[in-house]
Amino acid sequence: MKLVLFPKQEAKQSMISQTQKVKEENQKLRKELLALIRRTRALHEKRQQLEEQHKTLKRDLQYGKDLTRIQGTRQNRLYKSFGIVEKTTESSPRKA
């Protein structure tokens, strides 16, 4: 009788041990997955921040270009109103 019970006990213990190993591995993998999810969310938020910053910088750059163009146009009108002609590279004195 003992010879029959021993293999059953051993098989039972082996299954319990294997089940415990699988549970521990699942817990480890679950922790890794949650860490990856948190990292992904953080990276996604950072990307959104950088995209917003990019839009703002692009808008500011365009504003600066527009402002320079407007100031140049106003300056040209002011020169014309006083009869001043802007100097060009052709009318500037050349070095011999």
C-alpha atoms as a PDB file:
ATOM      1  CA  MET A   1       0.000   0.000   0.000  1.00  0.00           C
ATOM      2  CA  LYS A   2       2.814   2.401   0.845  1.00  0.00           C
ATOM      3  CA  LEU A   3       4.360   1.856  -2.547  1.00  0.00           C
ATOM      4  CA  VAL A   4       1.179   3.093  -4.255  1.00  0.00           C
ATOM      5  CA  LEU A   5       0.738   6.156  -1.989  1.00  0.00           C
ATOM      6  CA  PHE A   6       4.313   7.362  -2.364  1.00  0.00           C
ATOM      7  CA  PRO A   7       4.117   8.084  -6.134  1.00  0.00           C
ATOM      8  CA  LYS A   8       0.753   9.830  -5.630  1.00  0.00           C
ATOM      9  CA  GLN A   9       2.163  12.021  -2.857  1.00  0.00           C
ATOM     10  CA  GLU A  10       5.236  12.778  -4.927  1.00  0.00           C
ATOM     11  CA  ALA A  11       3.102  13.689  -7.948  1.00  0.00           C
ATOM     12  CA  LYS A  12       0.857  15.844  -5.764  1.00  0.00           C
ATOM     13  CA  GLN A  13       3.851  17.647  -4.242  1.00  0.00           C
ATOM     14  CA  SER A  14       5.383  18.150  -7.681  1.00  0.00           C
ATOM     15  CA  MET A  15       2.165  19.724  -8.980  1.00  0.00           C
ATOM     16  CA  ILE A  16       1.916  22.005  -5.934  1.00  0.00           C
ATOM     17  CA  SER A  17       5.539  23.052  -6.400  1.00  0.00           C
ATOM     18  CA  GLN A  18       5.064  23.657 -10.119  1.00  0.00           C
ATOM     19  CA  THR A  19       1.864  25.647  -9.472  1.00  0.00           C
ATOM     20  CA  GLN A  20       3.708  27.812  -6.934  1.00  0.00           C
ATOM     21  CA  LYS A  21       6.523  28.483  -9.429  1.00  0.00           C
ATOM     22  CA  VAL A  22       3.997  29.484 -12.093  1.00  0.00           C
ATOM     23  CA  LYS A  23       2.233  31.836  -9.627  1.00  0.00           C
ATOM     24  CA  GLU A  24       5.532  33.479  -8.673  1.00  0.00           C
ATOM     25  CA  GLU A  25       6.521  33.895 -12.314  1.00  0.00           C
ATOM     26  CA  ASN A  26       3.108  35.391 -13.114  1.00  0.00           C
ATOM     27  CA  GLN A  27       3.478  37.873 -10.246  1.00  0.00           C
ATOM     28  CA  LYS A  28       6.924  38.864 -11.490  1.00  0.00           C
ATOM     29  CA  LEU A  29       5.651  39.276 -15.060  1.00  0.00           C
ATOM     30  CA  ARG A  30       2.631  41.259 -13.845  1.00  0.00           C
ATOM     31  CA  LYS A  31       4.932  43.668 -11.974  1.00  0.00           C
ATOM     32  CA  GLU A  32       7.108  44.075 -15.079  1.00  0.00           C
ATOM     33  CA  LEU A  33       4.034  44.683 -17.231  1.00  0.00           C
ATOM     34  CA  LEU A  34       2.682  47.326 -14.847  1.00  0.00           C
ATOM     35  CA  ALA A  35       6.075  49.056 -14.805  1.00  0.00           C
ATOM     36  CA  LEU A  36       6.114  49.060 -18.621  1.00  0.00           C
ATOM     37  CA  ILE A  37       2.580  50.463 -18.723  1.00  0.00           C
ATOM     38  CA  ARG A  38       3.561  53.266 -16.328  1.00  0.00           C
ATOM     39  CA  ARG A  39       6.673  54.001 -18.405  1.00  0.00           C
ATOM     40  CA  THR A  40       4.631  54.042 -21.608  1.00  0.00           C
ATOM     41  CA  ARG A  41       2.141  56.477 -20.086  1.00  0.00           C
ATOM     42  CA  ALA A  42       4.933  58.738 -18.866  1.00  0.00           C
ATOM     43  CA  LEU A  43       6.581  58.715 -22.301  1.00  0.00           C
ATOM     44  CA  HIS A  44       3.242  59.442 -23.968  1.00  0.00           C
ATOM     45  CA  GLU A  45       2.658  62.424 -21.664  1.00  0.00           C
ATOM     46  CA  LYS A  46       6.197  63.695 -22.321  1.00  0.00           C
ATOM     47  CA  ARG A  47       5.630  63.364 -26.078  1.00  0.00           C
ATOM     48  CA  GLN A  48       2.426  65.401 -25.823  1.00  0.00           C
ATOM     49  CA  GLN A  49       4.273  68.081 -23.838  1.00  0.00           C
ATOM     50  CA  LEU A  50       7.054  68.206 -26.423  1.00  0.00           C
ATOM     51  CA  GLU A  51       4.555  68.410 -29.293  1.00  0.00           C
ATOM     52  CA  GLU A  52       2.815  71.334 -27.579  1.00  0.00           C
ATOM     53  CA  GLN A  53       6.176  73.002 -26.984  1.00  0.00           C
ATOM     54  CA  HIS A  54       7.057  72.454 -30.649  1.00  0.00           C
ATOM     55  CA  LYS A  55       3.780  74.081 -31.751  1.00  0.00           C
ATOM     56  CA  THR A  56       4.411  77.041 -29.444  1.00  0.00           C
ATOM     57  CA  LEU A  57       7.988  77.499 -30.663  1.00  0.00           C
ATOM     58  CA  LYS A  58       6.893  77.219 -34.286  1.00  0.00           C
ATOM     59  CA  ARG A  59       4.161  79.806 -33.695  1.00  0.00           C
ATOM     60  CA  ASP A  60       6.633  82.128 -31.921  1.00  0.00           C
ATOM     61  CA  LEU A  61       9.124  81.757 -34.772  1.00  0.00           C
ATOM     62  CA  GLN A  62       6.459  82.646 -37.336  1.00  0.00           C
ATOM     63  CA  TYR A  63       5.390  85.609 -35.172  1.00  0.00           C
ATOM     64  CA  GLY A  64       8.995  86.847 -35.120  1.00  0.00           C
ATOM     65  CA  LYS A  65       9.285  86.504 -38.889  1.00  0.00           C
ATOM     66  CA  ASP A  66       5.979  88.307 -39.406  1.00  0.00           C
ATOM     67  CA  LEU A  67       7.020  91.063 -37.015  1.00  0.00           C
ATOM     68  CA  THR A  68      10.327  91.549 -38.848  1.00  0.00           C
ATOM     69  CA  ARG A  69       8.511  91.709 -42.177  1.00  0.00           C
ATOM     70  CA  ILE A  70       5.974  94.235 -40.838  1.00  0.00           C
ATOM     71  CA  GLN A  71       8.693  96.405 -39.305  1.00  0.00           C
ATOM     72  CA  GLY A  72      10.601  96.358 -42.603  1.00  0.00           C
ATOM     73  CA  THR A  73       7.476  97.398 -44.503  1.00  0.00           C
ATOM     74  CA  ARG A  74       6.755 100.238 -42.067  1.00  0.00           C
ATOM     75  CA  GLN A  75      10.351 101.393 -42.250  1.00  0.00           C
ATOM     76  CA  ASN A  76      10.208 101.434 -46.045  1.00  0.00           C
ATOM     77  CA  ARG A  77       7.009 103.512 -45.957  1.00  0.00           C
ATOM     78  CA  LEU A  78       8.625 105.924 -43.498  1.00  0.00           C
ATOM     79  CA  TYR A  79      11.672 106.311 -45.751  1.00  0.00           C
ATOM     80  CA  LYS A  80       9.442 106.945 -48.753  1.00  0.00           C
ATOM     81  CA  SER A  81       7.368 109.533 -46.880  1.00  0.00           C
ATOM     82  CA  PHE A  82      10.545 111.529 -46.147  1.00  0.00           C
ATOM     83  CA  GLY A  83      11.922 110.962 -49.634  1.00  0.00           C
ATOM     84  CA  ILE A  84      14.750 108.785 -48.392  1.00  0.00           C
ATOM     85  CA  VAL A  85      15.832 105.987 -50.694  1.00  0.00           C
ATOM     86  CA  GLU A  86      17.345 102.923 -49.054  1.00  0.00           C
ATOM     87  CA  LYS A  87      20.940 102.247 -49.926  1.00  0.00           C
ATOM     88  CA  THR A  88      21.476  99.160 -52.049  1.00  0.00           C
ATOM     89  CA  THR A  89      24.625  97.168 -52.469  1.00  0.00           C
ATOM     90  CA  GLU A  90      25.122  98.639 -55.940  1.00  0.00           C
ATOM     91  CA  SER A  91      25.200 102.261 -54.723  1.00  0.00           C
ATOM     92  CA  SER A  92      27.620 101.560 -51.875  1.00  0.00           C
ATOM     93  CA  PRO A  93      31.235 102.550 -52.502  1.00  0.00           C
ATOM     94  CA  ARG A  94      33.482  99.779 -53.736  1.00  0.00           C
ATOM     95  CA  LYS A  95      36.988  99.194 -52.483  1.00  0.00           C
ATOM     96  CA  ALA A  96      39.744  99.321 -55.081  1.00  0.00           C
END
